[in-house]
N, C-alpha and C. Protein backbone atom coordinates (compact mmCIF):
# COMPACT_ATOMS: atom_id res chain seq x y z
N UNK A 1 75.95 67.82 -66.19
CA UNK A 1 74.85 68.47 -65.78
C UNK A 1 73.67 67.90 -66.14
N UNK A 2 72.58 68.09 -65.16
CA UNK A 2 71.31 67.38 -65.42
C UNK A 2 70.32 68.54 -66.01
N UNK A 3 70.34 69.72 -65.28
CA UNK A 3 69.38 70.69 -65.93
C UNK A 3 69.82 72.14 -65.63
N UNK A 4 69.49 72.97 -66.52
CA UNK A 4 69.66 74.38 -66.37
C UNK A 4 68.38 75.23 -66.45
N UNK A 5 67.96 76.06 -65.48
CA UNK A 5 66.78 76.80 -65.43
C UNK A 5 67.07 78.22 -65.27
N UNK A 6 66.57 79.16 -66.22
CA UNK A 6 66.60 80.52 -66.26
C UNK A 6 65.70 80.93 -65.00
N UNK A 7 66.24 81.71 -64.13
CA UNK A 7 65.45 82.28 -63.11
C UNK A 7 65.05 83.64 -63.26
N UNK A 8 65.85 84.45 -63.86
CA UNK A 8 65.65 86.04 -63.90
C UNK A 8 66.56 86.45 -65.06
N UNK A 9 66.03 87.47 -65.80
CA UNK A 9 66.65 88.21 -66.83
C UNK A 9 66.37 89.68 -66.56
N UNK A 10 67.58 90.59 -66.57
CA UNK A 10 67.21 91.98 -66.37
C UNK A 10 68.07 92.78 -67.34
N UNK A 11 67.49 93.91 -68.02
CA UNK A 11 68.39 94.67 -68.76
C UNK A 11 69.06 95.86 -67.84
N UNK A 12 70.34 95.96 -68.17
CA UNK A 12 71.29 97.02 -67.55
C UNK A 12 71.19 98.13 -68.31
N UNK A 13 71.20 98.04 -69.64
CA UNK A 13 71.38 99.23 -70.37
C UNK A 13 71.23 98.90 -71.89
N UNK A 14 70.55 99.73 -72.80
CA UNK A 14 70.09 99.22 -74.25
C UNK A 14 70.16 100.46 -75.02
N UNK A 15 70.47 100.40 -76.18
CA UNK A 15 70.17 101.39 -77.26
C UNK A 15 69.99 100.57 -78.45
N UNK A 16 69.99 101.23 -79.71
CA UNK A 16 69.65 100.56 -80.84
C UNK A 16 70.63 99.61 -81.40
N UNK A 17 72.10 99.67 -80.96
CA UNK A 17 73.04 98.76 -81.53
C UNK A 17 73.63 97.80 -80.37
N UNK A 18 73.37 98.26 -79.05
CA UNK A 18 74.03 97.35 -78.18
C UNK A 18 73.09 97.17 -76.90
N UNK A 19 73.19 96.13 -76.09
CA UNK A 19 72.53 96.06 -74.71
C UNK A 19 73.33 95.26 -73.82
N UNK A 20 73.26 95.34 -72.47
CA UNK A 20 73.81 94.76 -71.47
C UNK A 20 72.80 94.16 -70.69
N UNK A 21 72.90 92.73 -70.39
CA UNK A 21 71.74 92.06 -69.53
C UNK A 21 72.49 91.12 -68.56
N UNK A 22 71.66 91.08 -67.38
CA UNK A 22 71.96 90.06 -66.39
C UNK A 22 71.03 88.97 -66.34
N UNK A 23 71.66 87.64 -66.25
CA UNK A 23 70.84 86.55 -66.32
C UNK A 23 71.15 85.65 -65.07
N UNK A 24 70.38 85.12 -64.43
CA UNK A 24 70.42 84.34 -63.08
C UNK A 24 69.84 82.89 -63.72
N UNK A 25 70.81 81.84 -63.28
CA UNK A 25 70.45 80.45 -63.88
C UNK A 25 70.47 79.54 -62.42
N UNK A 26 69.71 78.59 -62.53
CA UNK A 26 69.95 77.38 -61.50
C UNK A 26 70.43 76.36 -62.51
N UNK A 27 71.54 75.84 -61.86
CA UNK A 27 72.31 74.64 -62.60
C UNK A 27 72.26 73.49 -61.66
N UNK A 28 71.70 72.31 -62.10
CA UNK A 28 71.66 71.06 -61.42
C UNK A 28 72.57 70.13 -61.91
N UNK A 29 73.35 69.68 -61.17
CA UNK A 29 74.30 68.60 -61.58
C UNK A 29 73.78 67.16 -61.40
N UNK A 30 74.45 66.07 -62.02
CA UNK A 30 73.83 64.88 -62.00
C UNK A 30 73.47 64.42 -60.61
N UNK A 31 74.18 64.76 -59.52
CA UNK A 31 74.01 64.13 -58.24
C UNK A 31 72.75 65.05 -57.50
N UNK A 32 72.25 66.05 -58.19
CA UNK A 32 70.92 66.86 -57.73
C UNK A 32 71.40 68.10 -56.88
N UNK A 33 72.67 68.39 -56.95
CA UNK A 33 73.12 69.77 -56.25
C UNK A 33 72.94 70.83 -57.30
N UNK A 34 72.21 71.86 -56.75
CA UNK A 34 71.75 72.99 -57.53
C UNK A 34 72.79 74.27 -57.03
N UNK A 35 73.30 74.93 -58.13
CA UNK A 35 74.06 76.00 -57.93
C UNK A 35 73.52 77.31 -58.73
N UNK A 36 73.43 78.57 -58.06
CA UNK A 36 72.97 79.68 -58.86
C UNK A 36 74.15 80.28 -59.67
N UNK A 37 74.05 80.52 -60.88
CA UNK A 37 74.96 81.06 -61.67
C UNK A 37 74.58 82.36 -62.15
N UNK A 38 75.18 83.50 -62.05
CA UNK A 38 74.87 84.81 -62.31
C UNK A 38 75.92 85.34 -63.63
N UNK A 39 75.21 85.78 -64.62
CA UNK A 39 75.98 86.11 -65.92
C UNK A 39 75.63 87.31 -66.46
N UNK A 40 76.60 88.26 -66.93
CA UNK A 40 76.31 89.52 -67.54
C UNK A 40 76.77 89.32 -68.90
N UNK A 41 75.69 89.47 -70.01
CA UNK A 41 76.00 89.43 -71.37
C UNK A 41 75.97 90.83 -72.20
N UNK A 42 76.98 90.94 -72.70
CA UNK A 42 76.99 92.15 -73.90
C UNK A 42 76.39 91.70 -75.17
N UNK A 43 75.34 92.42 -75.74
CA UNK A 43 74.76 91.97 -76.89
C UNK A 43 75.13 93.13 -77.98
N UNK A 44 75.11 92.76 -79.19
CA UNK A 44 75.31 93.72 -80.19
C UNK A 44 74.48 93.39 -81.37
N UNK A 45 73.80 94.39 -81.81
CA UNK A 45 73.02 94.27 -83.01
C UNK A 45 73.64 94.19 -84.33
N UNK A 46 73.54 93.05 -85.08
CA UNK A 46 74.25 93.01 -86.26
C UNK A 46 73.44 92.68 -87.37
N UNK A 47 72.89 93.72 -88.08
CA UNK A 47 72.15 93.48 -89.32
C UNK A 47 70.61 93.20 -88.86
N UNK A 48 70.25 93.70 -87.63
CA UNK A 48 68.88 93.43 -87.07
C UNK A 48 68.90 92.11 -86.34
N UNK A 49 70.05 91.42 -86.06
CA UNK A 49 70.07 90.18 -85.35
C UNK A 49 71.05 90.55 -84.03
N UNK A 50 70.17 90.23 -82.84
CA UNK A 50 71.13 90.25 -81.67
C UNK A 50 72.07 89.04 -81.46
N UNK A 51 73.40 89.54 -81.32
CA UNK A 51 74.29 88.52 -81.02
C UNK A 51 75.04 88.87 -79.68
N UNK A 52 75.51 87.68 -79.06
CA UNK A 52 76.41 87.87 -77.96
C UNK A 52 77.58 88.30 -78.27
N UNK A 53 78.05 89.46 -77.79
CA UNK A 53 79.44 89.95 -78.00
C UNK A 53 80.41 89.82 -76.83
N UNK A 54 79.98 89.45 -75.62
CA UNK A 54 80.77 89.19 -74.48
C UNK A 54 79.91 88.50 -73.39
N UNK A 55 80.57 88.09 -72.40
CA UNK A 55 79.93 87.55 -71.44
C UNK A 55 80.94 87.67 -70.00
N UNK A 56 80.27 87.83 -68.83
CA UNK A 56 81.22 87.53 -67.66
C UNK A 56 80.39 86.70 -66.50
N UNK A 57 81.03 85.83 -66.07
CA UNK A 57 80.44 85.07 -64.97
C UNK A 57 80.69 85.81 -63.63
N UNK A 58 79.54 86.18 -62.79
CA UNK A 58 79.69 86.96 -61.68
C UNK A 58 79.72 86.21 -60.38
N UNK A 59 80.42 86.59 -59.38
CA UNK A 59 80.60 86.05 -58.28
C UNK A 59 79.30 86.06 -57.47
């Protein structure tokens, strides 16, 4: 992998203890080919710190 760029982040749902966000990345390999990667992250608030509790790579 040569480069990863964040293209977009959106919030699906959120409350004081959890959140769900979508993120889109552009991933460039060593030969210069760029692929879009879409990921959904589940976040959990643990003692005031947000931690990734789950993730899913979307088609």
